[in-house]
Amino acid sequence: MTNANRDQIEFWNSDESRHWVEHQWRYDSMLEPYVRRLLSAAEIGPAERVLDIGCGTGTTTLAAAVGARDVLGVDIAEPMIARARDRAREQGLQNARFEVADAQTAPFEAESHDVVISRFGVMFFDDPVAAFANLRTALRPDGRIVFVCWQNLGDNEWTLVPATAAAAHVPVPDLGEPGAPGPFAFGDAERLRTLLTEPGFRDIGIEPVADSILLGGGGTVNEAVDFLRGTGMARTLFAEASPDEVARAIEAVRAALAPYQTPEGVRLGAAAWLVHAHR
């Protein structure tokens, strides 16, 4: 693996990866509405070969494998790929394969896949144009890419509400320049369109998807807060804070989430882009 995306490789092979593995079912439940939308838009056929980018613990890869000829899931996080391989064995899906690889630089076989998909896995590249160009080489002529990515932070209550509550009590970290690698890097739809146009993608569609999600997959406010405390967002916010500041921030988050409690769990608004294009 090259030095490209070095910071992301370090981040996703640390506590963040362990949190995703430990709480796999919570993440899957929380993001399930977007998996349905993604696979519906991808329209994967039984003879098609699929490449799943940022596959994590393999949820979208395994779902796609049920109706595809072959699916390769790639991710930079070794613990998550290990879990994905276990899940494939448990489910007996021999047409689902997994590799630890950086999609920006991985030497994919040229014109070897019909579809590239991703569930919130394409927003972390140091050089998005180079990454999308690399993915384009993996697609057969007229192959397609379909993915979901988050809109801007301000459009996503599920992050904005707890982050704003916590930020009133702890030092606010440097979040980097707009568009820097991270969950909301592709919030600007016109920038996203340019990132796909420059490598040569065509027939680009960027559709807004407004939905709501169960924070942490469901449960009580306390369970949602416990889930959030293990995320990268919380570790970043609390990195320079004192124990007293962290305690006050957690109580503020608990109070901010309370109005969103439903019988299913803590439900907040979410906004994503559903993106599709052809080689």
C-alpha atoms as a PDB file:
ATOM      1  CA  MET A   1       0.000   0.000   0.000  1.00  0.00           C
ATOM      2  CA  THR A   2       1.382   3.422  -0.947  1.00  0.00           C
ATOM      3  CA  ASN A   3       1.721   6.555   1.170  1.00  0.00           C
ATOM      4  CA  ALA A   4      -1.429   8.015  -0.388  1.00  0.00           C
ATOM      5  CA  ASN A   5      -4.172   8.455   2.199  1.00  0.00           C
ATOM      6  CA  ARG A   6      -1.690   7.703   4.989  1.00  0.00           C
ATOM      7  CA  ASP A   7      -3.699   9.553   7.631  1.00  0.00           C
ATOM      8  CA  GLN A   8      -6.892   7.745   6.662  1.00  0.00           C
ATOM      9  CA  ILE A   9      -5.149   4.370   6.695  1.00  0.00           C
ATOM     10  CA  GLU A  10      -3.890   5.057  10.217  1.00  0.00           C
ATOM     11  CA  PHE A  11      -7.296   6.312  11.373  1.00  0.00           C
ATOM     12  CA  TRP A  12      -9.294   3.394   9.970  1.00  0.00           C
ATOM     13  CA  ASN A  13      -6.917   0.807  11.441  1.00  0.00           C
ATOM     14  CA  SER A  14      -7.227   2.217  14.956  1.00  0.00           C
ATOM     15  CA  ASP A  15     -10.075   2.517  17.453  1.00  0.00           C
ATOM     16  CA  GLU A  16     -12.450   3.591  14.680  1.00  0.00           C
ATOM     17  CA  SER A  17     -12.189   0.233  12.939  1.00  0.00           C
ATOM     18  CA  ARG A  18     -12.633  -1.640  16.211  1.00  0.00           C
ATOM     19  CA  HIS A  19     -15.744   0.397  16.969  1.00  0.00           C
ATOM     20  CA  TRP A  20     -17.267  -0.508  13.581  1.00  0.00           C
ATOM     21  CA  VAL A  21     -16.505  -4.195  14.114  1.00  0.00           C
ATOM     22  CA  GLU A  22     -17.821  -4.249  17.683  1.00  0.00           C
ATOM     23  CA  HIS A  23     -20.984  -2.325  16.770  1.00  0.00           C
ATOM     24  CA  GLN A  24     -21.502  -3.737  13.277  1.00  0.00           C
ATOM     25  CA  TRP A  25     -25.200  -4.392  13.797  1.00  0.00           C
ATOM     26  CA  ARG A  26     -25.759  -0.848  15.068  1.00  0.00           C
ATOM     27  CA  TYR A  27     -24.080   0.710  12.034  1.00  0.00           C
ATOM     28  CA  ASP A  28     -25.948  -1.628   9.694  1.00  0.00           C
ATOM     29  CA  SER A  29     -29.293  -0.802  11.265  1.00  0.00           C
ATOM     30  CA  MET A  30     -28.565   2.922  11.206  1.00  0.00           C
ATOM     31  CA  LEU A  31     -27.528   2.955   7.536  1.00  0.00           C
ATOM     32  CA  GLU A  32     -29.959   0.316   6.252  1.00  0.00           C
ATOM     33  CA  PRO A  33     -32.230   2.791   4.384  1.00  0.00           C
ATOM     34  CA  TYR A  34     -29.284   3.814   2.233  1.00  0.00           C
ATOM     35  CA  VAL A  35     -28.281   0.241   1.426  1.00  0.00           C
ATOM     36  CA  ARG A  36     -31.740  -0.351  -0.031  1.00  0.00           C
ATOM     37  CA  ARG A  37     -31.551   2.816  -2.109  1.00  0.00           C
ATOM     38  CA  LEU A  38     -28.018   2.021  -3.280  1.00  0.00           C
ATOM     39  CA  LEU A  39     -28.732  -1.517  -4.439  1.00  0.00           C
ATOM     40  CA  SER A  40     -32.010  -0.516  -6.048  1.00  0.00           C
ATOM     41  CA  ALA A  41     -30.251   2.169  -8.091  1.00  0.00           C
ATOM     42  CA  ALA A  42     -27.354  -0.153  -9.004  1.00  0.00           C
ATOM     43  CA  GLU A  43     -29.727  -2.711 -10.580  1.00  0.00           C
ATOM     44  CA  ILE A  44     -27.108  -5.465 -10.348  1.00  0.00           C
ATOM     45  CA  GLY A  45     -27.728  -8.367 -12.706  1.00  0.00           C
ATOM     46  CA  PRO A  46     -26.930 -12.059 -12.076  1.00  0.00           C
ATOM     47  CA  ALA A  47     -24.095 -12.112 -14.634  1.00  0.00           C
ATOM     48  CA  GLU A  48     -22.398  -8.943 -13.395  1.00  0.00           C
ATOM     49  CA  ARG A  49     -19.151  -8.424 -11.517  1.00  0.00           C
ATOM     50  CA  VAL A  50     -19.251  -5.814  -8.761  1.00  0.00           C
ATOM     51  CA  LEU A  51     -16.565  -3.789  -6.989  1.00  0.00           C
ATOM     52  CA  ASP A  52     -17.544  -2.432  -3.552  1.00  0.00           C
ATOM     53  CA  ILE A  53     -15.422   0.496  -2.341  1.00  0.00           C
ATOM     54  CA  GLY A  54     -14.914   1.149   1.375  1.00  0.00           C
ATOM     55  CA  CYS A  55     -16.860  -2.027   2.084  1.00  0.00           C
ATOM     56  CA  GLY A  56     -16.137  -2.009   5.820  1.00  0.00           C
ATOM     57  CA  THR A  57     -17.461  -5.147   7.485  1.00  0.00           C
ATOM     58  CA  GLY A  58     -18.971  -6.293   4.203  1.00  0.00           C
ATOM     59  CA  THR A  59     -22.661  -5.475   4.501  1.00  0.00           C
ATOM     60  CA  THR A  60     -23.147  -4.086   0.996  1.00  0.00           C
ATOM     61  CA  THR A  61     -20.762  -6.615  -0.537  1.00  0.00           C
ATOM     62  CA  LEU A  62     -22.700  -9.531   0.912  1.00  0.00           C
ATOM     63  CA  ALA A  63     -26.059  -8.034  -0.057  1.00  0.00           C
ATOM     64  CA  ALA A  64     -24.856  -7.514  -3.641  1.00  0.00           C
ATOM     65  CA  ALA A  65     -23.406 -11.045  -3.793  1.00  0.00           C
ATOM     66  CA  VAL A  66     -26.852 -12.570  -3.356  1.00  0.00           C
ATOM     67  CA  GLY A  67     -27.776 -11.480  -6.882  1.00  0.00           C
ATOM     68  CA  ALA A  68     -24.435 -11.028  -8.662  1.00  0.00           C
ATOM     69  CA  ARG A  69     -21.886 -13.258 -10.345  1.00  0.00           C
ATOM     70  CA  ASP A  70     -18.950 -12.006  -8.284  1.00  0.00           C
ATOM     71  CA  VAL A  71     -18.380  -9.176  -5.795  1.00  0.00           C
ATOM     72  CA  LEU A  72     -15.042  -7.839  -4.574  1.00  0.00           C
ATOM     73  CA  GLY A  73     -15.099  -5.657  -1.465  1.00  0.00           C
ATOM     74  CA  VAL A  74     -12.063  -3.503  -0.715  1.00  0.00           C
ATOM     75  CA  ASP A  75     -11.228  -1.371   2.315  1.00  0.00           C
ATOM     76  CA  ILE A  76      -8.121   0.052   3.968  1.00  0.00           C
ATOM     77  CA  ALA A  77      -9.218  -1.227   7.403  1.00  0.00           C
ATOM     78  CA  GLU A  78      -7.746  -4.666   8.109  1.00  0.00           C
ATOM     79  CA  PRO A  79      -9.958  -5.473  11.146  1.00  0.00           C
ATOM     80  CA  MET A  80     -13.083  -4.668   9.158  1.00  0.00           C
ATOM     81  CA  ILE A  81     -11.993  -6.816   6.205  1.00  0.00           C
ATOM     82  CA  ALA A  82     -11.282  -9.688   8.601  1.00  0.00           C
ATOM     83  CA  ARG A  83     -14.827  -9.419   9.926  1.00  0.00           C
ATOM     84  CA  ALA A  84     -16.232  -9.223   6.394  1.00  0.00           C
ATOM     85  CA  ARG A  85     -14.450 -12.453   5.439  1.00  0.00           C
ATOM     86  CA  ASP A  86     -15.866 -14.167   8.520  1.00  0.00           C
ATOM     87  CA  ARG A  87     -19.359 -13.048   7.600  1.00  0.00           C
ATOM     88  CA  ALA A  88     -18.992 -14.349   4.043  1.00  0.00           C
ATOM     89  CA  ARG A  89     -17.941 -17.747   5.381  1.00  0.00           C
ATOM     90  CA  GLU A  90     -20.796 -17.762   7.895  1.00  0.00           C
ATOM     91  CA  GLN A  91     -23.291 -17.032   5.113  1.00  0.00           C
ATOM     92  CA  GLY A  92     -21.713 -19.443   2.623  1.00  0.00           C
ATOM     93  CA  LEU A  93     -21.290 -16.748  -0.035  1.00  0.00           C
ATOM     94  CA  GLN A  94     -18.375 -18.012  -2.085  1.00  0.00           C
ATOM     95  CA  ASN A  95     -18.819 -15.288  -4.715  1.00  0.00           C
ATOM     96  CA  ALA A  96     -17.994 -12.537  -2.170  1.00  0.00           C
ATOM     97  CA  ARG A  97     -14.279 -11.756  -1.876  1.00  0.00           C
ATOM     98  CA  PHE A  98     -12.466  -9.162   0.215  1.00  0.00           C
ATOM     99  CA  GLU A  99      -9.111  -7.403  -0.033  1.00  0.00           C
ATOM    100  CA  VAL A 100      -7.280  -4.855   2.090  1.00  0.00           C
ATOM    101  CA  ALA A 101      -6.570  -2.176  -0.503  1.00  0.00           C
ATOM    102  CA  ASP A 102      -6.583   1.559  -1.080  1.00  0.00           C
ATOM    103  CA  ALA A 103      -9.035   2.178  -3.911  1.00  0.00           C
ATOM    104  CA  GLN A 104      -7.157   5.337  -4.927  1.00  0.00           C
ATOM    105  CA  THR A 105      -4.043   3.404  -5.885  1.00  0.00           C
ATOM    106  CA  ALA A 106      -4.951  -0.300  -6.038  1.00  0.00           C
ATOM    107  CA  PRO A 107      -3.964  -1.919  -9.367  1.00  0.00           C
ATOM    108  CA  PHE A 108      -7.408  -3.181 -10.304  1.00  0.00           C
ATOM    109  CA  GLU A 109      -7.642  -5.367 -13.376  1.00  0.00           C
ATOM    110  CA  ALA A 110      -8.610  -3.100 -16.270  1.00  0.00           C
ATOM    111  CA  GLU A 111     -12.201  -3.299 -17.504  1.00  0.00           C
ATOM    112  CA  SER A 112     -12.954  -6.153 -15.108  1.00  0.00           C
ATOM    113  CA  HIS A 113     -16.140  -4.974 -13.406  1.00  0.00           C
ATOM    114  CA  ASP A 114     -19.621  -4.034 -14.527  1.00  0.00           C
ATOM    115  CA  VAL A 115     -20.546  -1.958 -11.481  1.00  0.00           C
ATOM    116  CA  VAL A 116     -18.723  -0.024  -8.761  1.00  0.00           C
ATOM    117  CA  ILE A 117     -20.787   0.605  -5.626  1.00  0.00           C
ATOM    118  CA  SER A 118     -20.132   2.258  -2.274  1.00  0.00           C
ATOM    119  CA  ARG A 119     -22.065   2.976   0.913  1.00  0.00           C
ATOM    120  CA  PHE A 120     -20.417   6.082   2.360  1.00  0.00           C
ATOM    121  CA  GLY A 121     -16.939   4.815   1.479  1.00  0.00           C
ATOM    122  CA  VAL A 122     -15.650   7.241  -1.167  1.00  0.00           C
ATOM    123  CA  MET A 123     -15.311  10.505   0.791  1.00  0.00           C
ATOM    124  CA  PHE A 124     -11.906   9.869   2.364  1.00  0.00           C
ATOM    125  CA  PHE A 125      -9.436  10.067  -0.536  1.00  0.00           C
ATOM    126  CA  ASP A 126      -6.492  12.500  -0.479  1.00  0.00           C
ATOM    127  CA  ASP A 127      -6.958  12.921  -4.243  1.00  0.00           C
ATOM    128  CA  PRO A 128     -10.576  12.169  -5.242  1.00  0.00           C
ATOM    129  CA  VAL A 129      -9.967  12.774  -8.957  1.00  0.00           C
ATOM    130  CA  ALA A 130      -7.135  10.216  -8.988  1.00  0.00           C
ATOM    131  CA  ALA A 131      -9.289   7.794  -7.010  1.00  0.00           C
ATOM    132  CA  PHE A 132     -12.275   8.065  -9.346  1.00  0.00           C
ATOM    133  CA  ALA A 133      -9.945   7.766 -12.346  1.00  0.00           C
ATOM    134  CA  ASN A 134      -8.571   4.537 -10.882  1.00  0.00           C
ATOM    135  CA  LEU A 135     -12.055   3.188 -10.305  1.00  0.00           C
ATOM    136  CA  ARG A 136     -13.018   4.122 -13.856  1.00  0.00           C
ATOM    137  CA  THR A 137     -10.202   1.934 -15.221  1.00  0.00           C
ATOM    138  CA  ALA A 138     -11.689  -1.029 -13.339  1.00  0.00           C
ATOM    139  CA  LEU A 139     -15.012  -0.638 -15.152  1.00  0.00           C
ATOM    140  CA  ARG A 140     -15.788  -2.242 -18.481  1.00  0.00           C
ATOM    141  CA  PRO A 141     -16.826   0.088 -21.322  1.00  0.00           C
ATOM    142  CA  ASP A 142     -20.202   1.601 -20.401  1.00  0.00           C
ATOM    143  CA  GLY A 143     -19.857   0.241 -16.860  1.00  0.00           C
ATOM    144  CA  ARG A 144     -21.416   2.282 -14.081  1.00  0.00           C
ATOM    145  CA  ILE A 145     -20.625   3.653 -10.651  1.00  0.00           C
ATOM    146  CA  VAL A 146     -23.333   4.085  -8.010  1.00  0.00           C
ATOM    147  CA  PHE A 147     -22.718   5.353  -4.492  1.00  0.00           C
ATOM    148  CA  VAL A 148     -24.199   7.229  -1.567  1.00  0.00           C
ATOM    149  CA  CYS A 149     -22.344   9.977   0.279  1.00  0.00           C
ATOM    150  CA  TRP A 150     -23.385  12.522   2.874  1.00  0.00           C
ATOM    151  CA  GLN A 151     -24.502  16.039   2.060  1.00  0.00           C
ATOM    152  CA  ASN A 152     -23.110  18.895   4.173  1.00  0.00           C
ATOM    153  CA  LEU A 153     -22.819  18.607   7.954  1.00  0.00           C
ATOM    154  CA  GLY A 154     -25.419  21.340   8.380  1.00  0.00           C
ATOM    155  CA  ASP A 155     -27.977  19.165   6.582  1.00  0.00           C
ATOM    156  CA  ASN A 156     -27.431  16.147   8.834  1.00  0.00           C
ATOM    157  CA  GLU A 157     -29.112  16.370  12.231  1.00  0.00           C
ATOM    158  CA  TRP A 158     -27.729  12.991  13.299  1.00  0.00           C
ATOM    159  CA  THR A 159     -24.258  14.551  13.528  1.00  0.00           C
ATOM    160  CA  LEU A 160     -25.042  18.248  13.900  1.00  0.00           C
ATOM    161  CA  VAL A 161     -27.261  17.961  17.001  1.00  0.00           C
ATOM    162  CA  PRO A 162     -24.847  16.005  19.226  1.00  0.00           C
ATOM    163  CA  ALA A 163     -21.757  17.769  17.864  1.00  0.00           C
ATOM    164  CA  THR A 164     -23.202  21.231  18.508  1.00  0.00           C
ATOM    165  CA  ALA A 165     -24.235  20.279  22.022  1.00  0.00           C
ATOM    166  CA  ALA A 166     -20.787  18.880  22.844  1.00  0.00           C
ATOM    167  CA  ALA A 167     -18.894  21.745  21.192  1.00  0.00           C
ATOM    168  CA  ALA A 168     -20.376  24.226  23.664  1.00  0.00           C
ATOM    169  CA  HIS A 169     -18.324  22.577  26.436  1.00  0.00           C
ATOM    170  CA  VAL A 170     -15.040  21.456  24.848  1.00  0.00           C
ATOM    171  CA  PRO A 171     -12.359  23.109  22.685  1.00  0.00           C
ATOM    172  CA  VAL A 172     -13.469  22.984  19.063  1.00  0.00           C
ATOM    173  CA  PRO A 173     -10.872  21.096  16.973  1.00  0.00           C
ATOM    174  CA  ASP A 174      -9.601  22.182  13.578  1.00  0.00           C
ATOM    175  CA  LEU A 175     -11.877  20.448  11.077  1.00  0.00           C
ATOM    176  CA  GLY A 176      -9.710  21.298   8.071  1.00  0.00           C
ATOM    177  CA  GLU A 177     -10.614  22.998   4.818  1.00  0.00           C
ATOM    178  CA  PRO A 178     -14.043  22.478   3.226  1.00  0.00           C
ATOM    179  CA  GLY A 179     -13.900  19.359   1.097  1.00  0.00           C
ATOM    180  CA  ALA A 180     -11.053  17.798   3.094  1.00  0.00           C
ATOM    181  CA  PRO A 181     -11.222  13.994   3.407  1.00  0.00           C
ATOM    182  CA  GLY A 182     -13.977  13.042   5.813  1.00  0.00           C
ATOM    183  CA  PRO A 183     -17.645  12.083   6.029  1.00  0.00           C
ATOM    184  CA  PHE A 184     -18.914  15.371   4.562  1.00  0.00           C
ATOM    185  CA  ALA A 185     -16.216  15.936   1.932  1.00  0.00           C
ATOM    186  CA  PHE A 186     -18.708  15.662  -0.933  1.00  0.00           C
ATOM    187  CA  GLY A 187     -21.395  17.891   0.526  1.00  0.00           C
ATOM    188  CA  ASP A 188     -21.079  20.338  -2.391  1.00  0.00           C
ATOM    189  CA  ALA A 189     -22.892  18.675  -5.294  1.00  0.00           C
ATOM    190  CA  GLU A 190     -21.236  20.814  -7.974  1.00  0.00           C
ATOM    191  CA  ARG A 191     -17.769  19.999  -6.669  1.00  0.00           C
ATOM    192  CA  LEU A 192     -18.735  16.335  -6.616  1.00  0.00           C
ATOM    193  CA  ARG A 193     -19.887  16.555 -10.222  1.00  0.00           C
ATOM    194  CA  THR A 194     -16.518  18.060 -11.194  1.00  0.00           C
ATOM    195  CA  LEU A 195     -14.629  15.304  -9.364  1.00  0.00           C
ATOM    196  CA  LEU A 196     -16.441  12.749 -11.525  1.00  0.00           C
ATOM    197  CA  THR A 197     -16.299  14.711 -14.776  1.00  0.00           C
ATOM    198  CA  GLU A 198     -12.525  15.263 -14.703  1.00  0.00           C
ATOM    199  CA  PRO A 199     -11.651  11.526 -14.811  1.00  0.00           C
ATOM    200  CA  GLY A 200     -14.107  11.026 -17.682  1.00  0.00           C
ATOM    201  CA  PHE A 201     -17.358   9.811 -16.148  1.00  0.00           C
ATOM    202  CA  ARG A 202     -20.495  10.772 -18.058  1.00  0.00           C
ATOM    203  CA  ASP A 203     -24.279  10.744 -17.597  1.00  0.00           C
ATOM    204  CA  ILE A 204     -23.709  11.908 -14.036  1.00  0.00           C
ATOM    205  CA  GLY A 205     -26.737  12.012 -11.767  1.00  0.00           C
ATOM    206  CA  ILE A 206     -26.648  13.443  -8.235  1.00  0.00           C
ATOM    207  CA  GLU A 207     -29.966  13.028  -6.458  1.00  0.00           C
ATOM    208  CA  PRO A 208     -30.748  14.323  -2.953  1.00  0.00           C
ATOM    209  CA  VAL A 209     -31.962  11.706  -0.512  1.00  0.00           C
ATOM    210  CA  ALA A 210     -33.619  13.082   2.624  1.00  0.00           C
ATOM    211  CA  ASP A 211     -34.343  10.499   5.265  1.00  0.00           C
ATOM    212  CA  SER A 212     -34.155   9.872   8.986  1.00  0.00           C
ATOM    213  CA  ILE A 213     -31.977   7.361  10.775  1.00  0.00           C
ATOM    214  CA  LEU A 214     -31.900   5.702  14.175  1.00  0.00           C
ATOM    215  CA  LEU A 215     -28.772   6.945  15.891  1.00  0.00           C
ATOM    216  CA  GLY A 216     -26.757   3.902  16.884  1.00  0.00           C
ATOM    217  CA  GLY A 217     -29.334   1.641  15.280  1.00  0.00           C
ATOM    218  CA  GLY A 218     -32.013   2.101  17.934  1.00  0.00           C
ATOM    219  CA  GLY A 219     -32.450   1.991  21.696  1.00  0.00           C
ATOM    220  CA  THR A 220     -32.533   4.598  24.431  1.00  0.00           C
ATOM    221  CA  VAL A 221     -30.878   8.005  24.573  1.00  0.00           C
ATOM    222  CA  ASN A 222     -28.271   6.559  26.945  1.00  0.00           C
ATOM    223  CA  GLU A 223     -27.485   3.799  24.455  1.00  0.00           C
ATOM    224  CA  ALA A 224     -27.164   6.366  21.665  1.00  0.00           C
ATOM    225  CA  VAL A 225     -24.786   8.437  23.796  1.00  0.00           C
ATOM    226  CA  ASP A 226     -22.689   5.367  24.635  1.00  0.00           C
ATOM    227  CA  PHE A 227     -22.509   4.558  20.932  1.00  0.00           C
ATOM    228  CA  LEU A 228     -21.424   8.091  20.044  1.00  0.00           C
ATOM    229  CA  ARG A 229     -18.702   8.146  22.713  1.00  0.00           C
ATOM    230  CA  GLY A 230     -16.822   5.444  20.812  1.00  0.00           C
ATOM    231  CA  THR A 231     -16.917   7.184  17.433  1.00  0.00           C
ATOM    232  CA  GLY A 232     -14.174   9.165  15.751  1.00  0.00           C
ATOM    233  CA  MET A 233     -16.296  12.292  16.053  1.00  0.00           C
ATOM    234  CA  ALA A 234     -16.295  12.026  19.851  1.00  0.00           C
ATOM    235  CA  ARG A 235     -12.599  11.196  20.057  1.00  0.00           C
ATOM    236  CA  THR A 236     -11.808  14.277  17.956  1.00  0.00           C
ATOM    237  CA  LEU A 237     -14.049  16.562  20.017  1.00  0.00           C
ATOM    238  CA  PHE A 238     -12.756  15.286  23.358  1.00  0.00           C
ATOM    239  CA  ALA A 239      -9.065  14.984  22.455  1.00  0.00           C
ATOM    240  CA  GLU A 240      -8.000  18.244  24.150  1.00  0.00           C
ATOM    241  CA  ALA A 241     -10.768  18.409  26.746  1.00  0.00           C
ATOM    242  CA  SER A 242     -10.460  17.916  30.499  1.00  0.00           C
ATOM    243  CA  PRO A 243     -12.463  15.189  32.258  1.00  0.00           C
ATOM    244  CA  ASP A 244     -14.858  17.822  33.637  1.00  0.00           C
ATOM    245  CA  GLU A 245     -15.382  19.309  30.181  1.00  0.00           C
ATOM    246  CA  VAL A 246     -16.028  15.864  28.724  1.00  0.00           C
ATOM    247  CA  ALA A 247     -18.562  15.088  31.460  1.00  0.00           C
ATOM    248  CA  ARG A 248     -20.431  18.353  30.822  1.00  0.00           C
ATOM    249  CA  ALA A 249     -20.354  17.724  27.064  1.00  0.00           C
ATOM    250  CA  ILE A 250     -21.811  14.237  27.450  1.00  0.00           C
ATOM    251  CA  GLU A 251     -24.639  15.526  29.617  1.00  0.00           C
ATOM    252  CA  ALA A 252     -25.329  18.232  27.025  1.00  0.00           C
ATOM    253  CA  VAL A 253     -25.478  15.634  24.268  1.00  0.00           C
ATOM    254  CA  ARG A 254     -27.852  13.506  26.333  1.00  0.00           C
ATOM    255  CA  ALA A 255     -30.154  16.497  26.831  1.00  0.00           C
ATOM    256  CA  ALA A 256     -29.966  17.497  23.154  1.00  0.00           C
ATOM    257  CA  LEU A 257     -30.933  13.993  21.976  1.00  0.00           C
ATOM    258  CA  ALA A 258     -33.825  13.529  24.399  1.00  0.00           C
ATOM    259  CA  PRO A 259     -36.426  15.326  22.206  1.00  0.00           C
ATOM    260  CA  TYR A 260     -35.647  12.907  19.372  1.00  0.00           C
ATOM    261  CA  GLN A 261     -36.444   9.758  21.335  1.00  0.00           C
ATOM    262  CA  THR A 262     -39.100   7.569  19.699  1.00  0.00           C
ATOM    263  CA  PRO A 263     -40.350   4.052  20.512  1.00  0.00           C
ATOM    264  CA  GLU A 264     -37.798   2.737  17.988  1.00  0.00           C
ATOM    265  CA  GLY A 265     -34.888   4.787  19.218  1.00  0.00           C
ATOM    266  CA  VAL A 266     -33.325   8.209  18.759  1.00  0.00           C
ATOM    267  CA  ARG A 267     -34.388   9.290  15.271  1.00  0.00           C
ATOM    268  CA  LEU A 268     -32.799  12.287  13.555  1.00  0.00           C
ATOM    269  CA  GLY A 269     -32.768  13.727  10.069  1.00  0.00           C
ATOM    270  CA  ALA A 270     -30.149  12.697   7.525  1.00  0.00           C
ATOM    271  CA  ALA A 271     -29.329  13.974   4.047  1.00  0.00           C
ATOM    272  CA  ALA A 272     -27.261  12.169   1.433  1.00  0.00           C
ATOM    273  CA  TRP A 273     -26.540  12.201  -2.271  1.00  0.00           C
ATOM    274  CA  LEU A 274     -27.359   9.186  -4.434  1.00  0.00           C
ATOM    275  CA  VAL A 275     -24.827   9.361  -7.241  1.00  0.00           C
ATOM    276  CA  HIS A 276     -24.689   7.406 -10.485  1.00  0.00           C
ATOM    277  CA  ALA A 277     -22.561   7.749 -13.611  1.00  0.00           C
ATOM    278  CA  HIS A 278     -21.230   5.755 -16.556  1.00  0.00           C
ATOM    279  CA  ARG A 279     -17.704   5.217 -17.718  1.00  0.00           C
END
